[in-house]
Every structure is written in structure tokens, then in C-alpha cells.
Amino acid sequence: MSPGPEDEKKLVEQAKQGDYASFDKLVSLYEDRIYHLAIKMLSEEQDAHEVVQETFLSAYRNLKSFRGEASFYTWINRIAVNACYKKLRGRKKDERSLSLDDVHPFPEGKPPGAGVANWDFNPVRKTMNTELGQKMKEAIMKLPEKYRIVFYYKDIEGLTNEKIGEILDLSVPAVKSRLNRARLFLRKELAAYFNV
């Protein structure tokens, strides 16, 4: 569970004064969330563990420059996202945008929403959960990083558009646009699985 804003501020201030135990508490509070972010973006455990280490090492080294304008969690998320992007660039993945052709899952002429897969739970599909989970993971990993990270923060972490914008230094309309394109892309990728 995350500490309240005042508790977090107190831990940060103590850590800035050289109290390593306070910084260690901050690491304990957030390392799992940073790991989950990294594994969703990178899909490789070794890389995700390295990002966690790099994130907190960078945070510790730069703690004195942390001004507290955003929460500590927001600040380390920015560091983690940048570390993930650096890893991805090292893999020489393309930083492409999703065009409307990439995300438009239906033939021209069909109204928006027509033929969209019904994702409600169906007991008949219970046995397919493992396969669906794998297909979903594969589809998410096909998303370009800038869309994958917004999808992760919104649909997995449950952050608000405003908080996502703060972490990624994006406007709320940009967050909404990337999220919409990510969801449409995933819907298109999974449409064949649902025989739409």
C-alpha cells in the first residue's frame, strides 16, 4: 500500500538528509510497481530487473535535485519509463506511430462499434483463459512503446489520464488519443481470436 502524501514527503526528506533506511522504505513501497511497469514494457525479466535497479540507483543519486513538485512515485515512474525506453532503443525496436489503418479493425462502411467482440465473461470460454492471456500479452507487446505505456498505466495500473499525463509529460488529450489508438489496435489484433 502506498503511503499518504505526507508520509511519502517525510520519507523523502529524511532520505535527502542521508537516512538510507528511509530511502529503503521508499524502494520497498514502489519496487514491485516499477517492476510490473518494466515487465509490461519490456517482457523480459532480466531487463525488467535491470530497469528497477537503474531506476532506484538514479533516484538515489539525484534525490537532492527532487523538488517535490510531483509525488515521489510520479518522479520514479518518469525515471523508469526513460530507462525502459533506453532498453528498447538498445534492442533497435522501431518507434512507429499507429496509423488509422493499423487500428481500424472493420471494413469501410461499417458503423463504429459494429462487430466489436463481446469481451464479457462467458463460461464456455473459461478453458480458453490461458490462451487468451497469452494472445493478449502478445498483442500488447506489438504495441509501439509510447502506446503500450499509456495502456499499461490506464488499463492495468488504473491511473487517471491526468496522472498519466503528469508522469509522461503529455497533455490529457494526447493521453486519451494514445489510449484510444492502443485499445483499437488491441481490439483489431484480438478480433481474429474472437472470430469477429
N, C-alpha and C. Protein backbone atom coordinates (compact mmCIF):
# COMPACT_ATOMS: atom_id res chain seq x y z
N MET A 1 0.85 -1.17 0.00
CA MET A 1 0.00 0.00 0.00
C MET A 1 0.89 1.24 0.00
N SER A 2 0.49 2.21 -0.76
CA SER A 2 1.26 3.45 -0.85
C SER A 2 1.05 4.29 0.40
N PRO A 3 2.08 5.00 0.82
CA PRO A 3 1.91 5.89 1.98
C PRO A 3 1.12 7.12 1.53
N GLY A 4 0.59 7.83 2.51
CA GLY A 4 -0.07 9.08 2.19
C GLY A 4 0.95 10.09 1.72
N PRO A 5 0.50 11.17 1.08
CA PRO A 5 1.44 12.19 0.58
C PRO A 5 2.37 12.74 1.66
N GLU A 6 1.86 12.94 2.87
CA GLU A 6 2.69 13.49 3.95
C GLU A 6 3.74 12.48 4.41
N ASP A 7 3.33 11.20 4.48
CA ASP A 7 4.28 10.15 4.87
C ASP A 7 5.39 10.03 3.83
N GLU A 8 4.98 10.09 2.56
CA GLU A 8 5.96 9.99 1.48
C GLU A 8 6.93 11.17 1.53
N LYS A 9 6.39 12.37 1.73
CA LYS A 9 7.24 13.58 1.83
C LYS A 9 8.24 13.44 2.96
N LYS A 10 7.78 12.92 4.09
CA LYS A 10 8.65 12.76 5.26
C LYS A 10 9.77 11.77 4.94
N LEU A 11 9.44 10.65 4.32
CA LEU A 11 10.46 9.67 3.94
C LEU A 11 11.47 10.28 2.97
N VAL A 12 10.97 11.05 2.00
CA VAL A 12 11.86 11.67 1.01
C VAL A 12 12.79 12.66 1.70
N GLU A 13 12.24 13.49 2.58
CA GLU A 13 13.07 14.48 3.28
C GLU A 13 14.14 13.80 4.15
N GLN A 14 13.75 12.73 4.82
CA GLN A 14 14.72 12.00 5.64
C GLN A 14 15.80 11.36 4.77
N ALA A 15 15.38 10.83 3.62
CA ALA A 15 16.35 10.22 2.70
C ALA A 15 17.30 11.28 2.15
N LYS A 16 16.79 12.48 1.87
CA LYS A 16 17.64 13.57 1.40
C LYS A 16 18.69 13.95 2.44
N GLN A 17 18.37 13.76 3.70
CA GLN A 17 19.30 14.08 4.79
C GLN A 17 20.30 12.95 5.04
N GLY A 18 20.23 11.92 4.20
CA GLY A 18 21.18 10.82 4.33
C GLY A 18 20.67 9.61 5.07
N ASP A 19 19.39 9.58 5.40
CA ASP A 19 18.82 8.43 6.09
C ASP A 19 18.51 7.34 5.07
N TYR A 20 19.44 6.39 4.96
CA TYR A 20 19.30 5.33 3.97
C TYR A 20 18.09 4.46 4.26
N ALA A 21 17.74 4.27 5.53
CA ALA A 21 16.59 3.44 5.90
C ALA A 21 15.29 4.02 5.32
N SER A 22 15.19 5.35 5.29
CA SER A 22 14.00 5.98 4.71
C SER A 22 13.94 5.74 3.20
N PHE A 23 15.09 5.84 2.55
CA PHE A 23 15.10 5.56 1.11
C PHE A 23 14.77 4.09 0.86
N ASP A 24 15.28 3.22 1.69
CA ASP A 24 14.99 1.80 1.57
C ASP A 24 13.48 1.54 1.71
N LYS A 25 12.81 2.29 2.58
CA LYS A 25 11.35 2.15 2.72
C LYS A 25 10.65 2.58 1.43
N LEU A 26 11.14 3.66 0.83
CA LEU A 26 10.56 4.11 -0.44
C LEU A 26 10.74 3.04 -1.53
N VAL A 27 11.92 2.45 -1.57
CA VAL A 27 12.18 1.37 -2.53
C VAL A 27 11.21 0.22 -2.28
N SER A 28 11.06 -0.19 -1.04
CA SER A 28 10.16 -1.29 -0.69
C SER A 28 8.72 -0.99 -1.09
N LEU A 29 8.32 0.26 -0.94
CA LEU A 29 6.95 0.64 -1.28
C LEU A 29 6.67 0.57 -2.78
N TYR A 30 7.67 0.89 -3.59
CA TYR A 30 7.41 1.07 -5.02
C TYR A 30 8.13 0.10 -5.96
N GLU A 31 9.03 -0.73 -5.48
CA GLU A 31 9.80 -1.57 -6.39
C GLU A 31 8.92 -2.55 -7.16
N ASP A 32 7.89 -3.11 -6.54
CA ASP A 32 7.02 -4.04 -7.26
C ASP A 32 6.28 -3.34 -8.39
N ARG A 33 5.81 -2.13 -8.13
CA ARG A 33 5.08 -1.40 -9.17
C ARG A 33 6.00 -1.02 -10.33
N ILE A 34 7.23 -0.66 -10.01
CA ILE A 34 8.19 -0.33 -11.07
C ILE A 34 8.54 -1.59 -11.86
N TYR A 35 8.69 -2.72 -11.17
CA TYR A 35 8.97 -3.98 -11.85
C TYR A 35 7.83 -4.34 -12.81
N HIS A 36 6.59 -4.21 -12.35
CA HIS A 36 5.44 -4.54 -13.20
C HIS A 36 5.38 -3.63 -14.43
N LEU A 37 5.68 -2.37 -14.23
CA LEU A 37 5.75 -1.44 -15.36
C LEU A 37 6.81 -1.92 -16.35
N ALA A 38 7.99 -2.24 -15.85
CA ALA A 38 9.10 -2.65 -16.72
C ALA A 38 8.80 -3.96 -17.44
N ILE A 39 8.22 -4.92 -16.76
CA ILE A 39 7.94 -6.21 -17.40
C ILE A 39 6.86 -6.04 -18.47
N LYS A 40 5.91 -5.15 -18.24
CA LYS A 40 4.87 -4.91 -19.26
C LYS A 40 5.47 -4.22 -20.48
N MET A 41 6.43 -3.34 -20.27
CA MET A 41 7.03 -2.64 -21.41
C MET A 41 8.07 -3.49 -22.13
N LEU A 42 8.80 -4.31 -21.38
CA LEU A 42 9.96 -4.99 -21.95
C LEU A 42 9.75 -6.49 -22.17
N SER A 43 8.88 -7.08 -21.39
CA SER A 43 8.52 -8.51 -21.42
C SER A 43 9.69 -9.47 -21.16
N GLU A 44 10.80 -8.97 -20.69
CA GLU A 44 11.92 -9.84 -20.34
C GLU A 44 12.30 -9.55 -18.89
N GLU A 45 12.30 -10.63 -18.09
CA GLU A 45 12.55 -10.47 -16.65
C GLU A 45 13.89 -9.81 -16.35
N GLN A 46 14.93 -10.26 -17.04
CA GLN A 46 16.27 -9.71 -16.78
C GLN A 46 16.28 -8.20 -17.03
N ASP A 47 15.72 -7.78 -18.16
CA ASP A 47 15.66 -6.35 -18.46
C ASP A 47 14.82 -5.60 -17.44
N ALA A 48 13.72 -6.20 -17.01
CA ALA A 48 12.85 -5.55 -16.03
C ALA A 48 13.58 -5.36 -14.70
N HIS A 49 14.31 -6.40 -14.27
CA HIS A 49 15.08 -6.28 -13.02
C HIS A 49 16.15 -5.19 -13.15
N GLU A 50 16.79 -5.13 -14.30
CA GLU A 50 17.81 -4.09 -14.52
C GLU A 50 17.19 -2.70 -14.47
N VAL A 51 16.01 -2.55 -15.05
CA VAL A 51 15.34 -1.25 -15.02
C VAL A 51 15.01 -0.85 -13.58
N VAL A 52 14.55 -1.79 -12.77
CA VAL A 52 14.26 -1.49 -11.37
C VAL A 52 15.52 -0.99 -10.67
N GLN A 53 16.62 -1.70 -10.88
CA GLN A 53 17.88 -1.29 -10.26
C GLN A 53 18.32 0.09 -10.76
N GLU A 54 18.26 0.28 -12.08
CA GLU A 54 18.67 1.57 -12.65
C GLU A 54 17.78 2.70 -12.15
N THR A 55 16.50 2.43 -12.03
CA THR A 55 15.55 3.46 -11.58
C THR A 55 15.88 3.94 -10.17
N PHE A 56 16.04 3.01 -9.26
CA PHE A 56 16.28 3.41 -7.87
C PHE A 56 17.71 3.92 -7.65
N LEU A 57 18.65 3.42 -8.41
CA LEU A 57 20.01 3.95 -8.33
C LEU A 57 20.02 5.40 -8.81
N SER A 58 19.35 5.66 -9.93
CA SER A 58 19.27 7.02 -10.46
C SER A 58 18.51 7.93 -9.49
N ALA A 59 17.43 7.40 -8.92
CA ALA A 59 16.67 8.20 -7.95
C ALA A 59 17.53 8.55 -6.74
N TYR A 60 18.29 7.60 -6.25
CA TYR A 60 19.14 7.85 -5.09
C TYR A 60 20.21 8.89 -5.41
N ARG A 61 20.83 8.73 -6.58
CA ARG A 61 21.88 9.68 -6.98
C ARG A 61 21.35 11.10 -7.16
N ASN A 62 20.11 11.20 -7.61
CA ASN A 62 19.54 12.51 -7.94
C ASN A 62 18.51 12.99 -6.93
N LEU A 63 18.44 12.34 -5.79
CA LEU A 63 17.42 12.66 -4.79
C LEU A 63 17.49 14.12 -4.34
N LYS A 64 18.69 14.66 -4.20
CA LYS A 64 18.82 16.06 -3.73
C LYS A 64 18.20 17.04 -4.73
N SER A 65 18.12 16.64 -6.01
CA SER A 65 17.53 17.53 -7.02
C SER A 65 16.01 17.37 -7.11
N PHE A 66 15.45 16.38 -6.43
CA PHE A 66 14.00 16.19 -6.43
C PHE A 66 13.34 17.32 -5.65
N ARG A 67 12.53 18.11 -6.36
CA ARG A 67 11.94 19.31 -5.76
C ARG A 67 10.59 19.06 -5.12
N GLY A 68 9.99 17.91 -5.37
CA GLY A 68 8.71 17.60 -4.76
C GLY A 68 7.52 18.25 -5.44
N GLU A 69 7.70 18.75 -6.67
CA GLU A 69 6.57 19.34 -7.39
C GLU A 69 5.56 18.28 -7.78
N ALA A 70 6.04 17.08 -8.02
CA ALA A 70 5.19 15.91 -8.25
C ALA A 70 5.46 14.95 -7.10
N SER A 71 4.67 13.90 -7.01
CA SER A 71 4.92 12.92 -5.96
C SER A 71 6.20 12.14 -6.28
N PHE A 72 6.77 11.52 -5.28
CA PHE A 72 7.96 10.69 -5.47
C PHE A 72 7.64 9.56 -6.45
N TYR A 73 6.46 8.97 -6.30
CA TYR A 73 6.05 7.88 -7.20
C TYR A 73 6.01 8.36 -8.66
N THR A 74 5.47 9.53 -8.90
CA THR A 74 5.44 10.08 -10.26
C THR A 74 6.86 10.28 -10.78
N TRP A 75 7.72 10.80 -9.93
CA TRP A 75 9.11 11.07 -10.32
C TRP A 75 9.84 9.78 -10.68
N ILE A 76 9.72 8.74 -9.85
CA ILE A 76 10.44 7.50 -10.17
C ILE A 76 9.82 6.79 -11.36
N ASN A 77 8.53 7.00 -11.60
CA ASN A 77 7.91 6.44 -12.80
C ASN A 77 8.51 7.05 -14.05
N ARG A 78 8.75 8.36 -14.01
CA ARG A 78 9.39 9.01 -15.16
C ARG A 78 10.78 8.42 -15.40
N ILE A 79 11.51 8.22 -14.32
CA ILE A 79 12.84 7.63 -14.43
C ILE A 79 12.74 6.22 -15.02
N ALA A 80 11.78 5.43 -14.53
CA ALA A 80 11.60 4.06 -15.01
C ALA A 80 11.20 4.01 -16.48
N VAL A 81 10.28 4.88 -16.87
CA VAL A 81 9.86 4.92 -18.28
C VAL A 81 11.05 5.25 -19.17
N ASN A 82 11.85 6.22 -18.76
CA ASN A 82 13.03 6.57 -19.55
C ASN A 82 14.01 5.40 -19.63
N ALA A 83 14.18 4.67 -18.53
CA ALA A 83 15.07 3.51 -18.54
C ALA A 83 14.53 2.42 -19.46
N CYS A 84 13.22 2.24 -19.47
CA CYS A 84 12.61 1.25 -20.38
C CYS A 84 12.81 1.67 -21.83
N TYR A 85 12.58 2.94 -22.13
CA TYR A 85 12.79 3.42 -23.49
C TYR A 85 14.24 3.21 -23.93
N LYS A 86 15.17 3.46 -23.01
CA LYS A 86 16.59 3.26 -23.32
C LYS A 86 16.86 1.80 -23.67
N LYS A 87 16.30 0.89 -22.89
CA LYS A 87 16.46 -0.55 -23.17
C LYS A 87 15.86 -0.90 -24.52
N LEU A 88 14.68 -0.37 -24.78
CA LEU A 88 14.01 -0.68 -26.05
C LEU A 88 14.79 -0.12 -27.24
N ARG A 89 15.33 1.07 -27.09
CA ARG A 89 16.15 1.63 -28.16
C ARG A 89 17.38 0.76 -28.39
N GLY A 90 17.90 0.20 -27.31
CA GLY A 90 19.05 -0.69 -27.42
C GLY A 90 18.72 -1.95 -28.19
N ARG A 91 17.48 -2.34 -28.18
CA ARG A 91 17.04 -3.51 -28.95
C ARG A 91 16.78 -3.17 -30.41
N LYS A 92 16.88 -1.88 -30.70
CA LYS A 92 16.65 -1.37 -32.06
C LYS A 92 15.22 -1.63 -32.54
N LYS A 93 14.26 -1.51 -31.61
CA LYS A 93 12.86 -1.61 -32.00
C LYS A 93 12.44 -0.31 -32.66
N ASP A 94 11.48 -0.41 -33.56
CA ASP A 94 11.02 0.81 -34.24
C ASP A 94 10.09 1.60 -33.34
N GLU A 95 10.23 2.91 -33.40
CA GLU A 95 9.37 3.83 -32.66
C GLU A 95 8.37 4.38 -33.66
N ARG A 96 7.44 3.52 -34.04
CA ARG A 96 6.47 3.95 -35.04
C ARG A 96 5.19 4.42 -34.38
N SER A 97 4.41 5.13 -35.14
CA SER A 97 3.10 5.54 -34.68
C SER A 97 2.08 4.58 -35.24
N LEU A 98 0.93 4.52 -34.61
CA LEU A 98 -0.15 3.71 -35.13
C LEU A 98 -0.98 4.57 -36.06
N SER A 99 -1.07 4.15 -37.29
CA SER A 99 -1.92 4.88 -38.24
C SER A 99 -3.35 4.41 -38.05
N LEU A 100 -4.28 5.13 -38.65
CA LEU A 100 -5.67 4.70 -38.56
C LEU A 100 -5.86 3.35 -39.22
N ASP A 101 -5.06 3.04 -40.25
CA ASP A 101 -5.15 1.72 -40.88
C ASP A 101 -4.75 0.62 -39.91
N ASP A 102 -3.81 0.90 -39.01
CA ASP A 102 -3.37 -0.08 -38.02
C ASP A 102 -4.46 -0.38 -37.00
N VAL A 103 -5.27 0.60 -36.69
CA VAL A 103 -6.21 0.44 -35.59
C VAL A 103 -7.65 0.27 -36.04
N HIS A 104 -7.96 0.51 -37.29
CA HIS A 104 -9.33 0.38 -37.76
C HIS A 104 -9.61 -1.09 -38.06
N PRO A 105 -10.35 -1.78 -37.17
CA PRO A 105 -10.49 -3.21 -37.31
C PRO A 105 -11.60 -3.67 -38.25
N PHE A 106 -12.37 -2.75 -38.84
CA PHE A 106 -13.52 -3.16 -39.61
C PHE A 106 -13.45 -2.63 -41.04
N PRO A 107 -14.08 -3.34 -41.98
CA PRO A 107 -14.11 -2.85 -43.35
C PRO A 107 -14.82 -1.51 -43.43
N GLU A 108 -14.47 -0.76 -44.44
CA GLU A 108 -15.11 0.55 -44.60
C GLU A 108 -16.61 0.38 -44.74
N GLY A 109 -17.32 1.37 -44.27
CA GLY A 109 -18.76 1.35 -44.40
C GLY A 109 -19.48 0.83 -43.17
N LYS A 110 -18.81 0.06 -42.33
CA LYS A 110 -19.47 -0.41 -41.11
C LYS A 110 -19.45 0.70 -40.08
N PRO A 111 -20.54 0.89 -39.35
CA PRO A 111 -20.55 1.93 -38.33
C PRO A 111 -19.60 1.58 -37.19
N PRO A 112 -19.03 2.60 -36.52
CA PRO A 112 -18.15 2.34 -35.38
C PRO A 112 -18.87 1.49 -34.34
N GLY A 113 -18.17 0.50 -33.85
CA GLY A 113 -18.73 -0.36 -32.82
C GLY A 113 -19.42 -1.59 -33.37
N ALA A 114 -19.76 -1.59 -34.68
CA ALA A 114 -20.41 -2.76 -35.26
C ALA A 114 -19.41 -3.90 -35.32
N GLY A 115 -19.81 -5.06 -34.88
CA GLY A 115 -18.95 -6.23 -34.97
C GLY A 115 -17.86 -6.29 -33.92
N VAL A 116 -17.92 -5.43 -32.91
CA VAL A 116 -16.90 -5.45 -31.86
C VAL A 116 -17.10 -6.70 -31.02
N ALA A 117 -16.02 -7.36 -30.72
CA ALA A 117 -16.09 -8.57 -29.92
C ALA A 117 -16.71 -8.29 -28.56
N ASN A 118 -17.55 -9.20 -28.12
CA ASN A 118 -18.13 -9.11 -26.79
C ASN A 118 -17.13 -9.72 -25.83
N TRP A 119 -16.54 -8.89 -24.96
CA TRP A 119 -15.50 -9.36 -24.05
C TRP A 119 -16.06 -9.75 -22.69
N ASP A 120 -17.39 -9.80 -22.57
CA ASP A 120 -17.99 -10.22 -21.31
C ASP A 120 -17.59 -11.66 -21.02
N PHE A 121 -17.53 -12.01 -19.74
CA PHE A 121 -17.17 -13.37 -19.34
C PHE A 121 -18.22 -14.33 -19.83
N ASN A 122 -17.79 -15.41 -20.44
CA ASN A 122 -18.66 -16.45 -20.94
C ASN A 122 -18.12 -17.77 -20.40
N PRO A 123 -18.92 -18.53 -19.64
CA PRO A 123 -18.42 -19.76 -19.04
C PRO A 123 -17.83 -20.74 -20.06
N VAL A 124 -18.34 -20.74 -21.28
CA VAL A 124 -17.83 -21.64 -22.31
C VAL A 124 -16.37 -21.32 -22.61
N ARG A 125 -15.99 -20.07 -22.47
CA ARG A 125 -14.61 -19.67 -22.78
C ARG A 125 -13.66 -19.82 -21.59
N LYS A 126 -14.15 -20.31 -20.48
CA LYS A 126 -13.32 -20.41 -19.29
C LYS A 126 -12.04 -21.20 -19.57
N THR A 127 -12.15 -22.26 -20.34
CA THR A 127 -10.98 -23.09 -20.64
C THR A 127 -9.99 -22.39 -21.55
N MET A 128 -10.42 -21.31 -22.18
CA MET A 128 -9.54 -20.60 -23.11
C MET A 128 -8.80 -19.45 -22.42
N ASN A 129 -8.97 -19.25 -21.13
CA ASN A 129 -8.37 -18.12 -20.44
C ASN A 129 -6.85 -18.08 -20.58
N THR A 130 -6.20 -19.22 -20.46
CA THR A 130 -4.75 -19.23 -20.58
C THR A 130 -4.31 -18.80 -21.97
N GLU A 131 -4.98 -19.35 -22.97
CA GLU A 131 -4.65 -18.99 -24.36
C GLU A 131 -4.96 -17.53 -24.62
N LEU A 132 -6.09 -17.05 -24.13
CA LEU A 132 -6.45 -15.65 -24.30
C LEU A 132 -5.43 -14.74 -23.63
N GLY A 133 -5.00 -15.11 -22.44
CA GLY A 133 -3.98 -14.33 -21.74
C GLY A 133 -2.71 -14.21 -22.55
N GLN A 134 -2.29 -15.31 -23.17
CA GLN A 134 -1.09 -15.30 -23.99
C GLN A 134 -1.29 -14.43 -25.23
N LYS A 135 -2.46 -14.57 -25.87
CA LYS A 135 -2.75 -13.76 -27.06
C LYS A 135 -2.76 -12.27 -26.69
N MET A 136 -3.33 -11.95 -25.55
CA MET A 136 -3.39 -10.56 -25.10
C MET A 136 -1.98 -10.03 -24.86
N LYS A 137 -1.15 -10.83 -24.19
CA LYS A 137 0.23 -10.42 -23.92
C LYS A 137 0.98 -10.18 -25.24
N GLU A 138 0.80 -11.08 -26.19
CA GLU A 138 1.46 -10.92 -27.49
C GLU A 138 0.98 -9.65 -28.20
N ALA A 139 -0.32 -9.39 -28.13
CA ALA A 139 -0.88 -8.19 -28.77
C ALA A 139 -0.34 -6.92 -28.11
N ILE A 140 -0.27 -6.92 -26.78
CA ILE A 140 0.24 -5.75 -26.05
C ILE A 140 1.69 -5.50 -26.43
N MET A 141 2.48 -6.56 -26.57
CA MET A 141 3.90 -6.39 -26.92
C MET A 141 4.09 -5.89 -28.34
N LYS A 142 3.08 -6.03 -29.20
CA LYS A 142 3.16 -5.49 -30.56
C LYS A 142 2.93 -3.98 -30.60
N LEU A 143 2.34 -3.46 -29.53
CA LEU A 143 2.11 -2.00 -29.48
C LEU A 143 3.43 -1.26 -29.43
N PRO A 144 3.58 -0.19 -30.18
CA PRO A 144 4.76 0.67 -30.01
C PRO A 144 4.80 1.16 -28.56
N GLU A 145 6.01 1.40 -28.05
CA GLU A 145 6.19 1.70 -26.64
C GLU A 145 5.33 2.85 -26.13
N LYS A 146 5.23 3.92 -26.93
CA LYS A 146 4.51 5.09 -26.44
C LYS A 146 3.02 4.81 -26.23
N TYR A 147 2.47 3.83 -26.93
CA TYR A 147 1.08 3.44 -26.74
C TYR A 147 0.98 2.39 -25.62
N ARG A 148 1.95 1.49 -25.57
CA ARG A 148 1.95 0.42 -24.57
C ARG A 148 2.01 1.01 -23.16
N ILE A 149 2.83 2.04 -22.97
CA ILE A 149 2.98 2.60 -21.63
C ILE A 149 1.69 3.29 -21.17
N VAL A 150 1.02 3.98 -22.08
CA VAL A 150 -0.25 4.63 -21.72
C VAL A 150 -1.30 3.57 -21.41
N PHE A 151 -1.37 2.51 -22.22
CA PHE A 151 -2.31 1.41 -21.97
C PHE A 151 -2.03 0.78 -20.61
N TYR A 152 -0.76 0.55 -20.32
CA TYR A 152 -0.38 -0.06 -19.05
C TYR A 152 -0.86 0.81 -17.87
N TYR A 153 -0.51 2.09 -17.91
CA TYR A 153 -0.87 2.96 -16.80
C TYR A 153 -2.39 3.06 -16.61
N LYS A 154 -3.14 3.13 -17.70
CA LYS A 154 -4.59 3.33 -17.60
C LYS A 154 -5.31 2.02 -17.29
N ASP A 155 -5.11 1.01 -18.12
CA ASP A 155 -5.92 -0.19 -18.03
C ASP A 155 -5.37 -1.26 -17.09
N ILE A 156 -4.13 -1.16 -16.71
CA ILE A 156 -3.57 -2.14 -15.78
C ILE A 156 -3.35 -1.51 -14.41
N GLU A 157 -2.70 -0.35 -14.37
CA GLU A 157 -2.47 0.34 -13.10
C GLU A 157 -3.69 1.13 -12.63
N GLY A 158 -4.57 1.53 -13.56
CA GLY A 158 -5.77 2.27 -13.19
C GLY A 158 -5.55 3.73 -12.87
N LEU A 159 -4.47 4.31 -13.41
CA LEU A 159 -4.19 5.72 -13.16
C LEU A 159 -5.13 6.60 -13.97
N THR A 160 -5.34 7.82 -13.50
CA THR A 160 -6.17 8.77 -14.23
C THR A 160 -5.39 9.31 -15.43
N ASN A 161 -6.11 9.84 -16.39
CA ASN A 161 -5.46 10.45 -17.56
C ASN A 161 -4.55 11.59 -17.14
N GLU A 162 -4.98 12.34 -16.13
CA GLU A 162 -4.18 13.46 -15.65
C GLU A 162 -2.86 12.98 -15.05
N LYS A 163 -2.92 11.90 -14.26
CA LYS A 163 -1.72 11.36 -13.63
C LYS A 163 -0.78 10.79 -14.69
N ILE A 164 -1.34 10.12 -15.69
CA ILE A 164 -0.52 9.56 -16.78
C ILE A 164 0.17 10.70 -17.52
N GLY A 165 -0.58 11.76 -17.79
CA GLY A 165 -0.01 12.93 -18.45
C GLY A 165 1.12 13.54 -17.65
N GLU A 166 0.95 13.58 -16.34
CA GLU A 166 1.98 14.13 -15.45
C GLU A 166 3.25 13.26 -15.51
N ILE A 167 3.07 11.94 -15.45
CA ILE A 167 4.22 11.03 -15.46
C ILE A 167 4.96 11.09 -16.79
N LEU A 168 4.20 11.11 -17.89
CA LEU A 168 4.81 11.05 -19.22
C LEU A 168 5.03 12.41 -19.86
N ASP A 169 4.67 13.46 -19.15
CA ASP A 169 4.79 14.82 -19.66
C ASP A 169 4.01 14.98 -20.97
N LEU A 170 2.74 14.56 -20.92
CA LEU A 170 1.83 14.66 -22.05
C LEU A 170 0.58 15.42 -21.64
N SER A 171 -0.08 16.01 -22.61
CA SER A 171 -1.37 16.64 -22.32
C SER A 171 -2.42 15.54 -22.16
N VAL A 172 -3.52 15.84 -21.49
CA VAL A 172 -4.59 14.85 -21.30
C VAL A 172 -5.15 14.42 -22.67
N PRO A 173 -5.37 15.34 -23.63
CA PRO A 173 -5.84 14.88 -24.95
C PRO A 173 -4.84 13.91 -25.62
N ALA A 174 -3.54 14.13 -25.44
CA ALA A 174 -2.55 13.22 -26.02
C ALA A 174 -2.64 11.85 -25.36
N VAL A 175 -2.85 11.82 -24.05
CA VAL A 175 -3.01 10.55 -23.33
C VAL A 175 -4.24 9.82 -23.87
N LYS A 176 -5.36 10.54 -24.00
CA LYS A 176 -6.59 9.93 -24.48
C LYS A 176 -6.42 9.40 -25.90
N SER A 177 -5.74 10.16 -26.75
CA SER A 177 -5.53 9.74 -28.12
C SER A 177 -4.70 8.46 -28.19
N ARG A 178 -3.59 8.43 -27.43
CA ARG A 178 -2.74 7.24 -27.43
C ARG A 178 -3.47 6.03 -26.85
N LEU A 179 -4.25 6.25 -25.81
CA LEU A 179 -5.00 5.17 -25.20
C LEU A 179 -6.04 4.62 -26.18
N ASN A 180 -6.73 5.52 -26.86
CA ASN A 180 -7.74 5.09 -27.83
C ASN A 180 -7.10 4.27 -28.95
N ARG A 181 -5.99 4.74 -29.48
CA ARG A 181 -5.32 4.00 -30.56
C ARG A 181 -4.80 2.65 -30.06
N ALA A 182 -4.30 2.61 -28.84
CA ALA A 182 -3.82 1.35 -28.27
C ALA A 182 -4.97 0.35 -28.15
N ARG A 183 -6.09 0.81 -27.63
CA ARG A 183 -7.24 -0.08 -27.46
C ARG A 183 -7.78 -0.57 -28.80
N LEU A 184 -7.85 0.33 -29.78
CA LEU A 184 -8.33 -0.08 -31.10
C LEU A 184 -7.37 -1.09 -31.74
N PHE A 185 -6.08 -0.86 -31.59
CA PHE A 185 -5.09 -1.78 -32.12
C PHE A 185 -5.25 -3.16 -31.47
N LEU A 186 -5.40 -3.19 -30.16
CA LEU A 186 -5.56 -4.47 -29.45
C LEU A 186 -6.86 -5.16 -29.87
N ARG A 187 -7.90 -4.38 -30.05
CA ARG A 187 -9.17 -4.95 -30.49
C ARG A 187 -9.00 -5.60 -31.86
N LYS A 188 -8.28 -4.91 -32.75
CA LYS A 188 -8.03 -5.47 -34.09
C LYS A 188 -7.19 -6.74 -33.99
N GLU A 189 -6.14 -6.71 -33.17
CA GLU A 189 -5.25 -7.88 -33.03
C GLU A 189 -6.00 -9.09 -32.47
N LEU A 190 -6.96 -8.85 -31.59
CA LEU A 190 -7.67 -9.95 -30.94
C LEU A 190 -8.97 -10.32 -31.64
N ALA A 191 -9.36 -9.56 -32.67
CA ALA A 191 -10.61 -9.82 -33.37
C ALA A 191 -10.64 -11.22 -33.97
N ALA A 192 -9.54 -11.67 -34.56
CA ALA A 192 -9.49 -13.00 -35.17
C ALA A 192 -9.69 -14.08 -34.10
N TYR A 193 -9.16 -13.84 -32.91
CA TYR A 193 -9.29 -14.80 -31.83
C TYR A 193 -10.76 -14.98 -31.45
N PHE A 194 -11.52 -13.90 -31.51
CA PHE A 194 -12.95 -13.95 -31.17
C PHE A 194 -13.82 -14.19 -32.40
N ASN A 195 -13.19 -14.42 -33.56
CA ASN A 195 -13.91 -14.68 -34.81
C ASN A 195 -14.90 -13.58 -35.16
N VAL A 196 -14.44 -12.34 -35.01
CA VAL A 196 -15.30 -11.19 -35.35
C VAL A 196 -15.14 -10.88 -36.82
